[in-house]
Amino acid sequence: MAPRRAKRAAGPQVLYVGDHIYGDILRSKKTLGWRTMLVVPELEAELEVQAAHGGVMTELRALRQQRDGLEDQLQRLEWGLAHGPRARPRPRWS
């Protein structure tokens, strides 16, 4: 639909597709009330990389979780050393 004709249509009846986040998408939605869709050409390459290296990302997430658990354990041990053998660490809020 040509932009001039589209301005006559009611906001929710128009789906505006663009590739510029401000000029196309935000302005059209905010000013005219149109539904909008952003085209991101670079996303295709990102999805290909993710598909090719998905196993590495899964392993990285698992290693980060393991690191977080070890850091928690280390903090509890350090707290115990600093506050004596009878001291009990505060409960963890998960």
PDB file of N, CA and C in Angstrom:
ATOM      1  N   MET A   1       0.856  -1.162   0.000  1.00  0.00           N
ATOM      2  CA  MET A   1       0.000   0.000   0.000  1.00  0.00           C
ATOM      3  C   MET A   1       0.907   1.232   0.000  1.00  0.00           C
ATOM      4  N   ALA A   2       0.633   2.193  -0.805  1.00  0.00           N
ATOM      5  CA  ALA A   2       1.428   3.412  -0.859  1.00  0.00           C
ATOM      6  C   ALA A   2       1.263   4.182   0.447  1.00  0.00           C
ATOM      7  N   PRO A   3       2.344   4.824   0.946  1.00  0.00           N
ATOM      8  CA  PRO A   3       2.253   5.540   2.221  1.00  0.00           C
ATOM      9  C   PRO A   3       1.152   6.579   2.262  1.00  0.00           C
ATOM     10  N   ARG A   4       0.895   7.289   1.158  1.00  0.00           N
ATOM     11  CA  ARG A   4      -0.159   8.315   1.175  1.00  0.00           C
ATOM     12  C   ARG A   4      -1.537   7.686   1.363  1.00  0.00           C
ATOM     13  N   ARG A   5      -1.777   6.567   0.685  1.00  0.00           N
ATOM     14  CA  ARG A   5      -3.062   5.885   0.833  1.00  0.00           C
ATOM     15  C   ARG A   5      -3.151   5.236   2.203  1.00  0.00           C
ATOM     16  N   ALA A   6      -2.032   4.750   2.718  1.00  0.00           N
ATOM     17  CA  ALA A   6      -2.026   4.069   4.023  1.00  0.00           C
ATOM     18  C   ALA A   6      -2.404   5.034   5.139  1.00  0.00           C
ATOM     19  N   LYS A   7      -2.091   6.304   5.002  1.00  0.00           N
ATOM     20  CA  LYS A   7      -2.407   7.274   6.047  1.00  0.00           C
ATOM     21  C   LYS A   7      -3.918   7.401   6.252  1.00  0.00           C
ATOM     22  N   ARG A   8      -4.684   7.050   5.233  1.00  0.00           N
ATOM     23  CA  ARG A   8      -6.136   7.123   5.359  1.00  0.00           C
ATOM     24  C   ARG A   8      -6.698   5.904   6.077  1.00  0.00           C
ATOM     25  N   ALA A   9      -5.955   4.828   6.138  1.00  0.00           N
ATOM     26  CA  ALA A   9      -6.428   3.611   6.799  1.00  0.00           C
ATOM     27  C   ALA A   9      -6.321   3.789   8.307  1.00  0.00           C
ATOM     28  N   ALA A  10      -7.155   3.069   9.036  1.00  0.00           N
ATOM     29  CA  ALA A  10      -7.120   3.128  10.501  1.00  0.00           C
ATOM     30  C   ALA A  10      -5.849   2.443  10.998  1.00  0.00           C
ATOM     31  N   GLY A  11      -5.294   2.951  12.089  1.00  0.00           N
ATOM     32  CA  GLY A  11      -4.034   2.473  12.626  1.00  0.00           C
ATOM     33  C   GLY A  11      -3.874   0.967  12.704  1.00  0.00           C
ATOM     34  N   PRO A  12      -4.740   0.263  13.429  1.00  0.00           N
ATOM     35  CA  PRO A  12      -4.551  -1.181  13.587  1.00  0.00           C
ATOM     36  C   PRO A  12      -4.756  -1.977  12.301  1.00  0.00           C
ATOM     37  N   GLN A  13      -5.331  -1.363  11.269  1.00  0.00           N
ATOM     38  CA  GLN A  13      -5.547  -2.068  10.014  1.00  0.00           C
ATOM     39  C   GLN A  13      -4.284  -2.114   9.160  1.00  0.00           C
ATOM     40  N   VAL A  14      -3.267  -1.351   9.528  1.00  0.00           N
ATOM     41  CA  VAL A  14      -2.063  -1.246   8.706  1.00  0.00           C
ATOM     42  C   VAL A  14      -0.911  -1.983   9.384  1.00  0.00           C
ATOM     43  N   LEU A  15      -0.230  -2.819   8.620  1.00  0.00           N
ATOM     44  CA  LEU A  15       1.007  -3.435   9.079  1.00  0.00           C
ATOM     45  C   LEU A  15       2.126  -2.821   8.252  1.00  0.00           C
ATOM     46  N   TYR A  16       2.971  -2.042   8.888  1.00  0.00           N
ATOM     47  CA  TYR A  16       4.058  -1.361   8.195  1.00  0.00           C
ATOM     48  C   TYR A  16       5.326  -2.152   8.414  1.00  0.00           C
ATOM     49  N   VAL A  17       6.010  -2.503   7.332  1.00  0.00           N
ATOM     50  CA  VAL A  17       7.254  -3.271   7.388  1.00  0.00           C
ATOM     51  C   VAL A  17       8.394  -2.354   6.999  1.00  0.00           C
ATOM     52  N   GLY A  18       9.425  -2.310   7.839  1.00  0.00           N
ATOM     53  CA  GLY A  18      10.570  -1.457   7.545  1.00  0.00           C
ATOM     54  C   GLY A  18      11.846  -2.049   8.095  1.00  0.00           C
ATOM     55  N   ASP A  19      12.971  -1.396   7.752  1.00  0.00           N
ATOM     56  CA  ASP A  19      14.260  -1.886   8.214  1.00  0.00           C
ATOM     57  C   ASP A  19      15.026  -0.846   9.032  1.00  0.00           C
ATOM     58  N   HIS A  20      14.393   0.248   9.354  1.00  0.00           N
ATOM     59  CA  HIS A  20      15.044   1.285  10.164  1.00  0.00           C
ATOM     60  C   HIS A  20      14.240   1.441  11.452  1.00  0.00           C
ATOM     61  N   ILE A  21      14.894   1.173  12.580  1.00  0.00           N
ATOM     62  CA  ILE A  21      14.183   1.107  13.849  1.00  0.00           C
ATOM     63  C   ILE A  21      13.481   2.412  14.192  1.00  0.00           C
ATOM     64  N   TYR A  22      14.090   3.544  13.938  1.00  0.00           N
ATOM     65  CA  TYR A  22      13.429   4.802  14.289  1.00  0.00           C
ATOM     66  C   TYR A  22      12.550   5.308  13.150  1.00  0.00           C
ATOM     67  N   GLY A  23      13.157   5.517  11.999  1.00  0.00           N
ATOM     68  CA  GLY A  23      12.440   6.137  10.891  1.00  0.00           C
ATOM     69  C   GLY A  23      11.233   5.357  10.428  1.00  0.00           C
ATOM     70  N   ASP A  24      11.337   4.046  10.415  1.00  0.00           N
ATOM     71  CA  ASP A  24      10.235   3.221   9.910  1.00  0.00           C
ATOM     72  C   ASP A  24       9.324   2.716  11.029  1.00  0.00           C
ATOM     73  N   ILE A  25       9.907   2.162  12.027  1.00  0.00           N
ATOM     74  CA  ILE A  25       9.133   1.399  13.002  1.00  0.00           C
ATOM     75  C   ILE A  25       8.559   2.272  14.119  1.00  0.00           C
ATOM     76  N   LEU A  26       9.412   2.903  14.890  1.00  0.00           N
ATOM     77  CA  LEU A  26       8.926   3.664  16.047  1.00  0.00           C
ATOM     78  C   LEU A  26       8.029   4.825  15.653  1.00  0.00           C
ATOM     79  N   ARG A  27       8.451   5.573  14.653  1.00  0.00           N
ATOM     80  CA  ARG A  27       7.655   6.734  14.238  1.00  0.00           C
ATOM     81  C   ARG A  27       6.293   6.306  13.708  1.00  0.00           C
ATOM     82  N   SER A  28       6.262   5.257  12.893  1.00  0.00           N
ATOM     83  CA  SER A  28       4.986   4.794  12.333  1.00  0.00           C
ATOM     84  C   SER A  28       4.045   4.306  13.420  1.00  0.00           C
ATOM     85  N   LYS A  29       4.593   3.593  14.379  1.00  0.00           N
ATOM     86  CA  LYS A  29       3.755   3.067  15.457  1.00  0.00           C
ATOM     87  C   LYS A  29       3.269   4.183  16.378  1.00  0.00           C
ATOM     88  N   LYS A  30       4.191   5.064  16.772  1.00  0.00           N
ATOM     89  CA  LYS A  30       3.843   6.106  17.728  1.00  0.00           C
ATOM     90  C   LYS A  30       2.958   7.186  17.108  1.00  0.00           C
ATOM     91  N   THR A  31       3.309   7.645  15.934  1.00  0.00           N
ATOM     92  CA  THR A  31       2.587   8.751  15.317  1.00  0.00           C
ATOM     93  C   THR A  31       1.270   8.311  14.679  1.00  0.00           C
ATOM     94  N   LEU A  32       1.311   7.189  13.966  1.00  0.00           N
ATOM     95  CA  LEU A  32       0.131   6.789  13.194  1.00  0.00           C
ATOM     96  C   LEU A  32      -0.645   5.630  13.816  1.00  0.00           C
ATOM     97  N   GLY A  33      -0.069   4.986  14.826  1.00  0.00           N
ATOM     98  CA  GLY A  33      -0.754   3.867  15.468  1.00  0.00           C
ATOM     99  C   GLY A  33      -0.772   2.599  14.643  1.00  0.00           C
ATOM    100  N   TRP A  34       0.140   2.497  13.673  1.00  0.00           N
ATOM    101  CA  TRP A  34       0.183   1.314  12.822  1.00  0.00           C
ATOM    102  C   TRP A  34       0.848   0.165  13.552  1.00  0.00           C
ATOM    103  N   ARG A  35       0.468  -1.048  13.199  1.00  0.00           N
ATOM    104  CA  ARG A  35       1.231  -2.220  13.631  1.00  0.00           C
ATOM    105  C   ARG A  35       2.498  -2.228  12.792  1.00  0.00           C
ATOM    106  N   THR A  36       3.606  -2.631  13.386  1.00  0.00           N
ATOM    107  CA  THR A  36       4.875  -2.561  12.663  1.00  0.00           C
ATOM    108  C   THR A  36       5.632  -3.874  12.749  1.00  0.00           C
ATOM    109  N   MET A  37       6.497  -4.084  11.763  1.00  0.00           N
ATOM    110  CA  MET A  37       7.372  -5.251  11.729  1.00  0.00           C
ATOM    111  C   MET A  37       8.743  -4.781  11.263  1.00  0.00           C
ATOM    112  N   LEU A  38       9.779  -5.168  11.992  1.00  0.00           N
ATOM    113  CA  LEU A  38      11.143  -4.764  11.670  1.00  0.00           C
ATOM    114  C   LEU A  38      11.842  -5.884  10.910  1.00  0.00           C
ATOM    115  N   VAL A  39      12.446  -5.558   9.787  1.00  0.00           N
ATOM    116  CA  VAL A  39      13.233  -6.500   9.001  1.00  0.00           C
ATOM    117  C   VAL A  39      14.691  -6.317   9.410  1.00  0.00           C
ATOM    118  N   VAL A  40      15.339  -7.402   9.850  1.00  0.00           N
ATOM    119  CA  VAL A  40      16.727  -7.339  10.312  1.00  0.00           C
ATOM    120  C   VAL A  40      17.551  -8.315   9.468  1.00  0.00           C
ATOM    121  N   PRO A  41      18.160  -7.829   8.364  1.00  0.00           N
ATOM    122  CA  PRO A  41      18.910  -8.723   7.478  1.00  0.00           C
ATOM    123  C   PRO A  41      20.085  -9.413   8.186  1.00  0.00           C
ATOM    124  N   GLU A  42      20.718  -8.738   9.132  1.00  0.00           N
ATOM    125  CA  GLU A  42      21.875  -9.303   9.815  1.00  0.00           C
ATOM    126  C   GLU A  42      21.509 -10.505  10.679  1.00  0.00           C
ATOM    127  N   LEU A  43      20.246 -10.638  11.015  1.00  0.00           N
ATOM    128  CA  LEU A  43      19.809 -11.713  11.892  1.00  0.00           C
ATOM    129  C   LEU A  43      20.024 -13.087  11.259  1.00  0.00           C
ATOM    130  N   GLU A  44      19.937 -13.173   9.955  1.00  0.00           N
ATOM    131  CA  GLU A  44      20.132 -14.459   9.278  1.00  0.00           C
ATOM    132  C   GLU A  44      21.521 -15.017   9.550  1.00  0.00           C
ATOM    133  N   ALA A  45      22.540 -14.175   9.459  1.00  0.00           N
ATOM    134  CA  ALA A  45      23.912 -14.631   9.723  1.00  0.00           C
ATOM    135  C   ALA A  45      24.069 -15.051  11.183  1.00  0.00           C
ATOM    136  N   GLU A  46      23.454 -14.307  12.094  1.00  0.00           N
ATOM    137  CA  GLU A  46      23.521 -14.652  13.520  1.00  0.00           C
ATOM    138  C   GLU A  46      22.882 -16.005  13.785  1.00  0.00           C
ATOM    139  N   LEU A  47      21.749 -16.274  13.144  1.00  0.00           N
ATOM    140  CA  LEU A  47      21.063 -17.552  13.327  1.00  0.00           C
ATOM    141  C   LEU A  47      21.892 -18.708  12.769  1.00  0.00           C
ATOM    142  N   GLU A  48      22.589 -18.476  11.661  1.00  0.00           N
ATOM    143  CA  GLU A  48      23.458 -19.510  11.093  1.00  0.00           C
ATOM    144  C   GLU A  48      24.601 -19.846  12.042  1.00  0.00           C
ATOM    145  N   VAL A  49      25.207 -18.827  12.641  1.00  0.00           N
ATOM    146  CA  VAL A  49      26.297 -19.045  13.603  1.00  0.00           C
ATOM    147  C   VAL A  49      25.768 -19.812  14.804  1.00  0.00           C
ATOM    148  N   GLN A  50      24.613 -19.425  15.286  1.00  0.00           N
ATOM    149  CA  GLN A  50      24.033 -20.096  16.447  1.00  0.00           C
ATOM    150  C   GLN A  50      23.735 -21.561  16.137  1.00  0.00           C
ATOM    151  N   ALA A  51      23.219 -21.829  14.951  1.00  0.00           N
ATOM    152  CA  ALA A  51      22.918 -23.212  14.567  1.00  0.00           C
ATOM    153  C   ALA A  51      24.193 -24.036  14.442  1.00  0.00           C
ATOM    154  N   ALA A  52      25.238 -23.422  13.902  1.00  0.00           N
ATOM    155  CA  ALA A  52      26.494 -24.144  13.701  1.00  0.00           C
ATOM    156  C   ALA A  52      27.224 -24.404  15.017  1.00  0.00           C
ATOM    157  N   HIS A  53      27.041 -23.521  15.989  1.00  0.00           N
ATOM    158  CA  HIS A  53      27.793 -23.626  17.239  1.00  0.00           C
ATOM    159  C   HIS A  53      26.878 -23.750  18.451  1.00  0.00           C
ATOM    160  N   GLY A  54      25.698 -24.298  18.262  1.00  0.00           N
ATOM    161  CA  GLY A  54      24.740 -24.421  19.351  1.00  0.00           C
ATOM    162  C   GLY A  54      25.263 -25.256  20.506  1.00  0.00           C
ATOM    163  N   GLY A  55      26.033 -26.303  20.201  1.00  0.00           N
ATOM    164  CA  GLY A  55      26.591 -27.143  21.252  1.00  0.00           C
ATOM    165  C   GLY A  55      27.557 -26.390  22.139  1.00  0.00           C
ATOM    166  N   VAL A  56      28.314 -25.507  21.549  1.00  0.00           N
ATOM    167  CA  VAL A  56      29.269 -24.699  22.318  1.00  0.00           C
ATOM    168  C   VAL A  56      28.522 -23.773  23.273  1.00  0.00           C
ATOM    169  N   MET A  57      27.420 -23.200  22.805  1.00  0.00           N
ATOM    170  CA  MET A  57      26.642 -22.304  23.656  1.00  0.00           C
ATOM    171  C   MET A  57      26.014 -23.069  24.821  1.00  0.00           C
ATOM    172  N   THR A  58      25.543 -24.270  24.569  1.00  0.00           N
ATOM    173  CA  THR A  58      24.972 -25.098  25.634  1.00  0.00           C
ATOM    174  C   THR A  58      26.034 -25.434  26.668  1.00  0.00           C
ATOM    175  N   GLU A  59      27.220 -25.797  26.191  1.00  0.00           N
ATOM    176  CA  GLU A  59      28.335 -26.105  27.100  1.00  0.00           C
ATOM    177  C   GLU A  59      28.731 -24.865  27.903  1.00  0.00           C
ATOM    178  N   LEU A  60      28.759 -23.715  27.253  1.00  0.00           N
ATOM    179  CA  LEU A  60      29.112 -22.477  27.941  1.00  0.00           C
ATOM    180  C   LEU A  60      28.117 -22.165  29.057  1.00  0.00           C
ATOM    181  N   ARG A  61      26.811 -22.327  28.786  1.00  0.00           N
ATOM    182  CA  ARG A  61      25.795 -22.110  29.823  1.00  0.00           C
ATOM    183  C   ARG A  61      26.001 -23.053  31.004  1.00  0.00           C
ATOM    184  N   ALA A  62      26.290 -24.326  30.712  1.00  0.00           N
ATOM    185  CA  ALA A  62      26.502 -25.309  31.780  1.00  0.00           C
ATOM    186  C   ALA A  62      27.738 -24.943  32.605  1.00  0.00           C
ATOM    187  N   LEU A  63      28.799 -24.518  31.947  1.00  0.00           N
ATOM    188  CA  LEU A  63      30.014 -24.129  32.663  1.00  0.00           C
ATOM    189  C   LEU A  63      29.783 -22.882  33.519  1.00  0.00           C
ATOM    190  N   ARG A  64      28.998 -21.948  33.022  1.00  0.00           N
ATOM    191  CA  ARG A  64      28.686 -20.749  33.812  1.00  0.00           C
ATOM    192  C   ARG A  64      27.885 -21.109  35.060  1.00  0.00           C
ATOM    193  N   GLN A  65      26.934 -22.031  34.927  1.00  0.00           N
ATOM    194  CA  GLN A  65      26.161 -22.473  36.088  1.00  0.00           C
ATOM    195  C   GLN A  65      27.067 -23.168  37.100  1.00  0.00           C
ATOM    196  N   GLN A  66      27.987 -23.987  36.594  1.00  0.00           N
ATOM    197  CA  GLN A  66      28.931 -24.670  37.479  1.00  0.00           C
ATOM    198  C   GLN A  66      29.814 -23.655  38.196  1.00  0.00           C
ATOM    199  N   ARG A  67      30.292 -22.654  37.470  1.00  0.00           N
ATOM    200  CA  ARG A  67      31.112 -21.596  38.067  1.00  0.00           C
ATOM    201  C   ARG A  67      30.335 -20.867  39.164  1.00  0.00           C
ATOM    202  N   ASP A  68      29.069 -20.541  38.887  1.00  0.00           N
ATOM    203  CA  ASP A  68      28.250 -19.841  39.880  1.00  0.00           C
ATOM    204  C   ASP A  68      28.096 -20.672  41.154  1.00  0.00           C
ATOM    205  N   GLY A  69      27.890 -21.970  40.992  1.00  0.00           N
ATOM    206  CA  GLY A  69      27.764 -22.847  42.147  1.00  0.00           C
ATOM    207  C   GLY A  69      29.054 -22.900  42.959  1.00  0.00           C
ATOM    208  N   LEU A  70      30.187 -22.956  42.255  1.00  0.00           N
ATOM    209  CA  LEU A  70      31.474 -22.979  42.947  1.00  0.00           C
ATOM    210  C   LEU A  70      31.756 -21.660  43.657  1.00  0.00           C
ATOM    211  N   GLU A  71      31.373 -20.551  43.043  1.00  0.00           N
ATOM    212  CA  GLU A  71      31.550 -19.246  43.686  1.00  0.00           C
ATOM    213  C   GLU A  71      30.703 -19.146  44.952  1.00  0.00           C
ATOM    214  N   ASP A  72      29.476 -19.671  44.911  1.00  0.00           N
ATOM    215  CA  ASP A  72      28.614 -19.687  46.103  1.00  0.00           C
ATOM    216  C   ASP A  72      29.255 -20.511  47.210  1.00  0.00           C
ATOM    217  N   GLN A  73      29.748 -21.674  46.843  1.00  0.00           N
ATOM    218  CA  GLN A  73      30.383 -22.555  47.823  1.00  0.00           C
ATOM    219  C   GLN A  73      31.619 -21.884  48.428  1.00  0.00           C
ATOM    220  N   LEU A  74      32.421 -21.244  47.604  1.00  0.00           N
ATOM    221  CA  LEU A  74      33.614 -20.549  48.081  1.00  0.00           C
ATOM    222  C   LEU A  74      33.240 -19.432  49.058  1.00  0.00           C
ATOM    223  N   GLN A  75      32.208 -18.672  48.738  1.00  0.00           N
ATOM    224  CA  GLN A  75      31.775 -17.596  49.634  1.00  0.00           C
ATOM    225  C   GLN A  75      31.314 -18.138  50.985  1.00  0.00           C
ATOM    226  N   ARG A  76      30.600 -19.261  50.971  1.00  0.00           N
ATOM    227  CA  ARG A  76      30.157 -19.861  52.234  1.00  0.00           C
ATOM    228  C   ARG A  76      31.349 -20.325  53.066  1.00  0.00           C
ATOM    229  N   LEU A  77      32.349 -20.933  52.405  1.00  0.00           N
ATOM    230  CA  LEU A  77      33.537 -21.393  53.122  1.00  0.00           C
ATOM    231  C   LEU A  77      34.333 -20.213  53.687  1.00  0.00           C
ATOM    232  N   GLU A  78      34.485 -19.148  52.891  1.00  0.00           N
ATOM    233  CA  GLU A  78      35.203 -17.963  53.367  1.00  0.00           C
ATOM    234  C   GLU A  78      34.468 -17.331  54.547  1.00  0.00           C
ATOM    235  N   TRP A  79      33.145 -17.298  54.491  1.00  0.00           N
ATOM    236  CA  TRP A  79      32.355 -16.738  55.577  1.00  0.00           C
ATOM    237  C   TRP A  79      32.559 -17.563  56.850  1.00  0.00           C
ATOM    238  N   GLY A  80      32.556 -18.893  56.680  1.00  0.00           N
ATOM    239  CA  GLY A  80      32.775 -19.775  57.817  1.00  0.00           C
ATOM    240  C   GLY A  80      34.143 -19.574  58.450  1.00  0.00           C
ATOM    241  N   LEU A  81      35.169 -19.382  57.648  1.00  0.00           N
ATOM    242  CA  LEU A  81      36.512 -19.127  58.177  1.00  0.00           C
ATOM    243  C   LEU A  81      36.568 -17.790  58.913  1.00  0.00           C
ATOM    244  N   ALA A  82      35.901 -16.798  58.376  1.00  0.00           N
ATOM    245  CA  ALA A  82      35.948 -15.463  58.970  1.00  0.00           C
ATOM    246  C   ALA A  82      35.150 -15.380  60.267  1.00  0.00           C
ATOM    247  N   HIS A  83      34.125 -16.205  60.413  1.00  0.00           N
ATOM    248  CA  HIS A  83      33.227 -16.093  61.569  1.00  0.00           C
ATOM    249  C   HIS A  83      33.346 -17.262  62.547  1.00  0.00           C
ATOM    250  N   GLY A  84      34.287 -18.130  62.377  1.00  0.00           N
ATOM    251  CA  GLY A  84      34.528 -19.210  63.322  1.00  0.00           C
ATOM    252  C   GLY A  84      33.756 -20.473  62.992  1.00  0.00           C
ATOM    253  N   PRO A  85      34.142 -21.579  63.619  1.00  0.00           N
ATOM    254  CA  PRO A  85      33.549 -22.882  63.292  1.00  0.00           C
ATOM    255  C   PRO A  85      32.089 -23.028  63.719  1.00  0.00           C
ATOM    256  N   ARG A  86      31.642 -22.273  64.729  1.00  0.00           N
ATOM    257  CA  ARG A  86      30.252 -22.413  65.188  1.00  0.00           C
ATOM    258  C   ARG A  86      29.285 -21.526  64.396  1.00  0.00           C
ATOM    259  N   ALA A  87      29.824 -20.607  63.667  1.00  0.00           N
ATOM    260  CA  ALA A  87      28.967 -19.694  62.895  1.00  0.00           C
ATOM    261  C   ALA A  87      28.320 -20.450  61.749  1.00  0.00           C
ATOM    262  N   ARG A  88      27.102 -20.071  61.470  1.00  0.00           N
ATOM    263  CA  ARG A  88      26.391 -20.681  60.351  1.00  0.00           C
ATOM    264  C   ARG A  88      26.094 -19.595  59.321  1.00  0.00           C
ATOM    265  N   PRO A  89      26.362 -19.869  58.069  1.00  0.00           N
ATOM    266  CA  PRO A  89      26.072 -18.855  57.042  1.00  0.00           C
ATOM    267  C   PRO A  89      24.574 -18.612  56.932  1.00  0.00           C
ATOM    268  N   ARG A  90      24.245 -17.421  56.497  1.00  0.00           N
ATOM    269  CA  ARG A  90      22.838 -17.092  56.267  1.00  0.00           C
ATOM    270  C   ARG A  90      22.267 -17.977  55.177  1.00  0.00           C
ATOM    271  N   PRO A  91      20.982 -18.285  55.262  1.00  0.00           N
ATOM    272  CA  PRO A  91      20.393 -19.127  54.200  1.00  0.00           C
ATOM    273  C   PRO A  91      20.422 -18.414  52.856  1.00  0.00           C
ATOM    274  N   ARG A  92      20.602 -19.195  51.812  1.00  0.00           N
ATOM    275  CA  ARG A  92      20.600 -18.656  50.452  1.00  0.00           C
ATOM    276  C   ARG A  92      19.170 -18.464  50.007  1.00  0.00           C
ATOM    277  N   TRP A  93      18.915 -17.373  49.334  1.00  0.00           N
ATOM    278  CA  TRP A  93      17.587 -17.104  48.761  1.00  0.00           C
ATOM    279  C   TRP A  93      17.645 -17.475  47.311  1.00  0.00           C
ATOM    280  N   SER A  94      16.977 -18.534  46.894  1.00  0.00           N
ATOM    281  CA  SER A  94      17.020 -18.958  45.497  1.00  0.00           C
ATOM    282  C   SER A  94      15.715 -18.696  44.837  1.00  0.00           C
TER     283      SER A  94
END
